N, C-alpha and C. Protein backbone atom coordinates (compact mmCIF):
# COMPACT_ATOMS: atom_id res chain seq x y z
N MET A 1 77.46 90.21 97.71
CA MET A 1 78.61 90.19 97.59
C MET A 1 79.17 91.33 96.72
N SER A 2 80.03 92.22 96.87
CA SER A 2 80.35 93.28 96.56
C SER A 2 81.33 92.93 95.24
N ASP A 3 81.23 93.71 93.97
CA ASP A 3 82.16 93.45 92.88
C ASP A 3 83.33 94.33 93.36
N ILE A 4 84.63 93.94 93.59
CA ILE A 4 85.58 94.74 93.74
C ILE A 4 86.53 94.49 92.60
N ASP A 5 87.31 95.63 92.12
CA ASP A 5 88.49 95.48 91.26
C ASP A 5 89.51 95.06 91.62
N CYS A 6 90.48 94.76 90.72
CA CYS A 6 91.96 94.66 91.29
C CYS A 6 92.58 95.54 91.89
N LYS A 7 92.71 96.89 91.68
CA LYS A 7 93.08 97.90 92.48
C LYS A 7 92.60 97.70 93.88
N GLU A 8 91.41 97.56 93.99
CA GLU A 8 91.08 97.67 95.68
C GLU A 8 91.17 96.40 96.20
N ALA A 9 91.23 95.29 95.62
CA ALA A 9 91.80 93.84 96.04
C ALA A 9 93.12 93.94 96.46
N LEU A 10 93.98 94.40 95.63
CA LEU A 10 95.47 94.57 95.90
C LEU A 10 96.06 95.69 97.06
N LYS A 11 94.94 96.70 97.06
CA LYS A 11 95.10 97.36 98.23
C LYS A 11 95.02 97.07 99.50
N LYS A 12 93.84 96.33 99.57
CA LYS A 12 93.77 95.39 100.73
C LYS A 12 94.28 94.16 101.12
N LEU A 13 95.27 93.77 100.22
CA LEU A 13 95.77 92.43 100.07
C LEU A 13 96.64 92.17 101.61
N TYR A 14 97.32 93.21 102.19
CA TYR A 14 97.96 92.94 103.44
C TYR A 14 96.98 92.68 104.41
N GLU A 15 95.98 93.59 104.53
CA GLU A 15 95.03 93.54 105.41
C GLU A 15 94.46 92.33 105.48
N TYR A 16 94.09 91.92 104.42
CA TYR A 16 93.47 90.38 104.21
C TYR A 16 94.27 89.44 104.69
N LEU A 17 95.46 89.44 104.44
CA LEU A 17 96.46 88.33 104.71
C LEU A 17 96.84 88.41 106.33
N ASP A 18 96.78 89.60 106.90
CA ASP A 18 96.94 89.51 108.06
C ASP A 18 95.42 89.53 109.04
N GLY A 19 94.24 89.29 108.35
CA GLY A 19 93.13 88.84 109.24
C GLY A 19 92.58 90.27 109.77
N GLU A 20 92.92 91.52 109.10
CA GLU A 20 92.42 92.67 109.62
C GLU A 20 91.29 93.26 109.03
N LEU A 21 90.63 92.61 108.08
CA LEU A 21 89.42 93.05 107.55
C LEU A 21 88.18 92.41 107.95
N SER A 22 87.11 93.25 108.14
CA SER A 22 85.77 92.74 108.32
C SER A 22 85.45 91.24 107.80
N PRO A 23 84.82 90.65 108.17
CA PRO A 23 84.31 89.14 107.71
C PRO A 23 84.02 89.62 106.09
N THR A 24 83.13 90.60 106.02
CA THR A 24 82.41 91.06 104.67
C THR A 24 83.42 91.35 103.53
N ASP A 25 84.47 92.36 104.10
CA ASP A 25 85.45 92.79 103.37
C ASP A 25 86.58 91.38 102.76
N ALA A 26 86.67 90.68 104.03
CA ALA A 26 87.43 89.41 103.67
C ALA A 26 86.89 88.53 102.63
N ARG A 27 85.68 88.35 102.72
CA ARG A 27 84.90 87.66 101.79
C ARG A 27 85.09 87.94 100.46
N ASP A 28 84.85 89.33 100.19
CA ASP A 28 84.88 90.25 99.15
C ASP A 28 86.28 89.95 98.31
N ILE A 29 87.44 90.24 99.11
CA ILE A 29 88.99 90.01 98.63
C ILE A 29 88.85 88.56 98.28
N GLU A 30 88.65 87.76 99.36
CA GLU A 30 88.97 86.36 98.85
C GLU A 30 88.25 85.98 97.52
N HIS A 31 86.77 86.43 97.28
CA HIS A 31 86.32 85.85 96.21
C HIS A 31 87.04 86.63 94.96
N HIS A 32 87.35 87.81 94.88
CA HIS A 32 87.91 88.23 94.04
C HIS A 32 89.29 87.54 93.43
N LEU A 33 89.97 87.24 94.72
CA LEU A 33 91.25 86.76 94.57
C LEU A 33 91.13 85.21 93.87
N GLU A 34 90.08 84.49 94.16
CA GLU A 34 89.86 83.21 93.60
C GLU A 34 89.65 83.11 92.04
N ILE A 35 89.00 84.07 91.72
CA ILE A 35 88.67 84.19 90.40
C ILE A 35 89.35 85.13 89.31
N CYS A 36 90.19 85.85 89.77
CA CYS A 36 91.02 86.84 89.02
C CYS A 36 92.55 86.28 88.66
N ALA A 37 92.62 86.02 87.64
CA ALA A 37 93.96 85.53 87.02
C ALA A 37 94.95 86.79 87.16
N ALA A 38 94.53 87.93 87.09
CA ALA A 38 95.62 89.09 87.13
C ALA A 38 96.14 89.38 88.07
N CYS A 39 95.43 89.11 89.45
CA CYS A 39 95.91 89.41 90.54
C CYS A 39 96.80 88.20 91.36
N TYR A 40 96.76 86.85 90.59
CA TYR A 40 97.57 85.74 91.04
C TYR A 40 98.86 85.81 91.29
N PRO A 41 99.53 86.58 90.32
CA PRO A 41 101.35 86.71 90.42
C PRO A 41 101.30 87.37 91.60
N GLU A 42 100.55 88.61 91.72
CA GLU A 42 100.98 89.44 93.05
C GLU A 42 100.49 88.78 94.31
N VAL A 43 99.42 88.26 94.32
CA VAL A 43 99.29 87.51 95.55
C VAL A 43 100.02 86.31 95.93
N ARG A 44 100.48 85.64 94.96
CA ARG A 44 101.66 84.69 95.23
C ARG A 44 103.23 85.12 95.52
N LEU A 45 103.28 86.20 94.83
CA LEU A 45 104.66 86.84 95.30
C LEU A 45 104.61 87.28 96.69
N THR A 46 103.37 87.83 97.22
CA THR A 46 103.48 88.42 98.47
C THR A 46 103.35 87.30 99.53
N THR A 47 102.57 86.28 99.31
CA THR A 47 102.32 85.37 100.17
C THR A 47 103.84 84.28 100.38
N GLU A 48 104.45 84.34 99.27
CA GLU A 48 105.77 83.79 99.44
C GLU A 48 106.79 84.28 100.17
N TYR A 49 106.88 85.78 99.80
CA TYR A 49 107.89 86.75 100.26
C TYR A 49 107.53 86.67 102.00
N ARG A 50 106.21 86.82 102.51
CA ARG A 50 105.96 86.84 103.80
C ARG A 50 106.34 85.36 104.50
N GLU A 51 106.04 84.42 103.91
CA GLU A 51 106.50 83.24 104.21
C GLU A 51 108.04 83.12 104.37
N ALA A 52 108.75 83.57 103.36
CA ALA A 52 110.31 83.41 103.48
C ALA A 52 110.78 84.44 104.81
N LEU A 53 109.93 85.53 104.92
CA LEU A 53 110.42 86.40 105.95
C LEU A 53 110.04 85.62 107.37
N ARG A 54 109.06 84.94 107.58
CA ARG A 54 108.60 84.49 108.68
C ARG A 54 109.61 83.18 108.96
N ARG A 55 110.07 82.59 107.85
CA ARG A 55 111.27 81.59 108.17
C ARG A 55 112.38 82.08 108.56
N ALA A 56 112.82 83.10 108.03
CA ALA A 56 114.11 83.81 108.30
C ALA A 56 113.82 84.41 109.70
N ALA A 57 112.96 84.66 110.30
CA ALA A 57 112.90 85.48 111.64
C ALA A 57 112.74 84.22 112.39
N GLN A 58 112.43 82.85 112.29
CA GLN A 58 112.42 82.07 113.42
C GLN A 58 113.58 82.09 114.40
N GLY A 59 113.14 82.18 115.70
CA GLY A 59 114.39 82.10 116.66
C GLY A 59 115.08 83.62 116.73
N GLN A 60 114.86 84.61 115.92
CA GLN A 60 115.40 85.70 115.86
C GLN A 60 114.47 86.70 116.96
N PRO A 61 115.67 87.61 117.79
CA PRO A 61 114.90 88.42 119.04
C PRO A 61 113.95 89.29 118.23
N CYS A 62 113.33 89.95 118.97
CA CYS A 62 112.30 90.79 118.30
C CYS A 62 113.01 92.24 118.21
N CYS A 63 112.58 92.95 117.33
CA CYS A 63 113.23 94.22 117.01
C CYS A 63 112.92 95.49 118.08
N PRO A 64 113.42 96.30 118.32
CA PRO A 64 113.21 97.18 119.42
C PRO A 64 111.92 97.95 118.87
N GLU A 65 111.03 98.29 120.00
CA GLU A 65 109.96 99.23 119.60
C GLU A 65 109.92 100.33 118.82
N GLY A 66 110.92 101.02 119.01
CA GLY A 66 111.11 102.46 118.22
C GLY A 66 111.35 102.05 116.64
N LEU A 67 112.11 100.91 116.42
CA LEU A 67 112.12 100.39 115.12
C LEU A 67 110.95 99.84 114.60
N ARG A 68 110.25 99.25 115.22
CA ARG A 68 108.75 98.73 114.74
C ARG A 68 107.82 99.80 114.42
N HIS A 69 107.76 101.06 115.18
CA HIS A 69 107.07 102.00 114.99
C HIS A 69 107.50 102.90 113.51
N ARG A 70 108.89 102.84 113.36
CA ARG A 70 109.36 103.63 112.05
C ARG A 70 109.11 102.78 110.93
N ILE A 71 109.16 101.55 110.87
CA ILE A 71 108.81 100.62 109.87
C ILE A 71 107.40 100.67 109.65
N ALA A 72 106.59 100.54 110.78
CA ALA A 72 105.10 100.60 110.43
C ALA A 72 104.79 101.92 109.71
N HIS A 73 105.51 103.11 110.11
CA HIS A 73 105.09 104.36 109.55
C HIS A 73 105.41 104.44 108.03
N ILE A 74 106.61 103.84 107.67
CA ILE A 74 107.05 103.74 106.36
C ILE A 74 106.18 102.82 105.65
N ILE A 75 105.55 101.67 106.09
CA ILE A 75 105.13 101.07 105.18
C ILE A 75 103.68 101.74 105.11
N GLU A 76 102.85 102.00 106.02
CA GLU A 76 101.70 102.90 105.88
C GLU A 76 101.83 104.18 104.82
N LYS A 77 102.96 104.96 104.89
CA LYS A 77 103.20 105.89 103.94
C LYS A 77 103.30 105.47 102.41
N GLU A 78 104.17 104.26 102.33
CA GLU A 78 104.04 103.76 100.98
C GLU A 78 102.55 103.28 100.57
N ARG A 79 102.03 102.62 101.38
CA ARG A 79 100.83 102.07 101.02
C ARG A 79 99.61 103.35 100.44
N ARG A 80 99.69 104.39 100.98
CA ARG A 80 99.07 105.69 100.82
C ARG A 80 99.52 106.56 99.50
N THR A 81 100.75 105.95 99.03
CA THR A 81 101.43 106.77 97.76
C THR A 81 100.88 105.94 96.61
N PRO A 82 100.29 106.37 95.80
CA PRO A 82 99.76 106.03 94.38
C PRO A 82 100.96 105.49 93.62
N PRO A 83 100.83 104.41 92.97
CA PRO A 83 101.98 103.70 92.19
C PRO A 83 102.28 104.70 90.87
């Protein structure tokens, strides 16, 4: 098992929640999140926010493909920008 720090765990949080990590990376993130009290507020906020978005979007039509690409580009750019 890899010992990852908070910075690495939070950097991969969205990929973890979306099921996009390899099984090994997912286990490493999961293990860190289970034992790290410092990461708990960020994980809880993120999961609650995602759930609120999911509930709000129920029954809504999908957004246009162009908008989806622009949003994905903005998110990726933000993820790569150091805090």
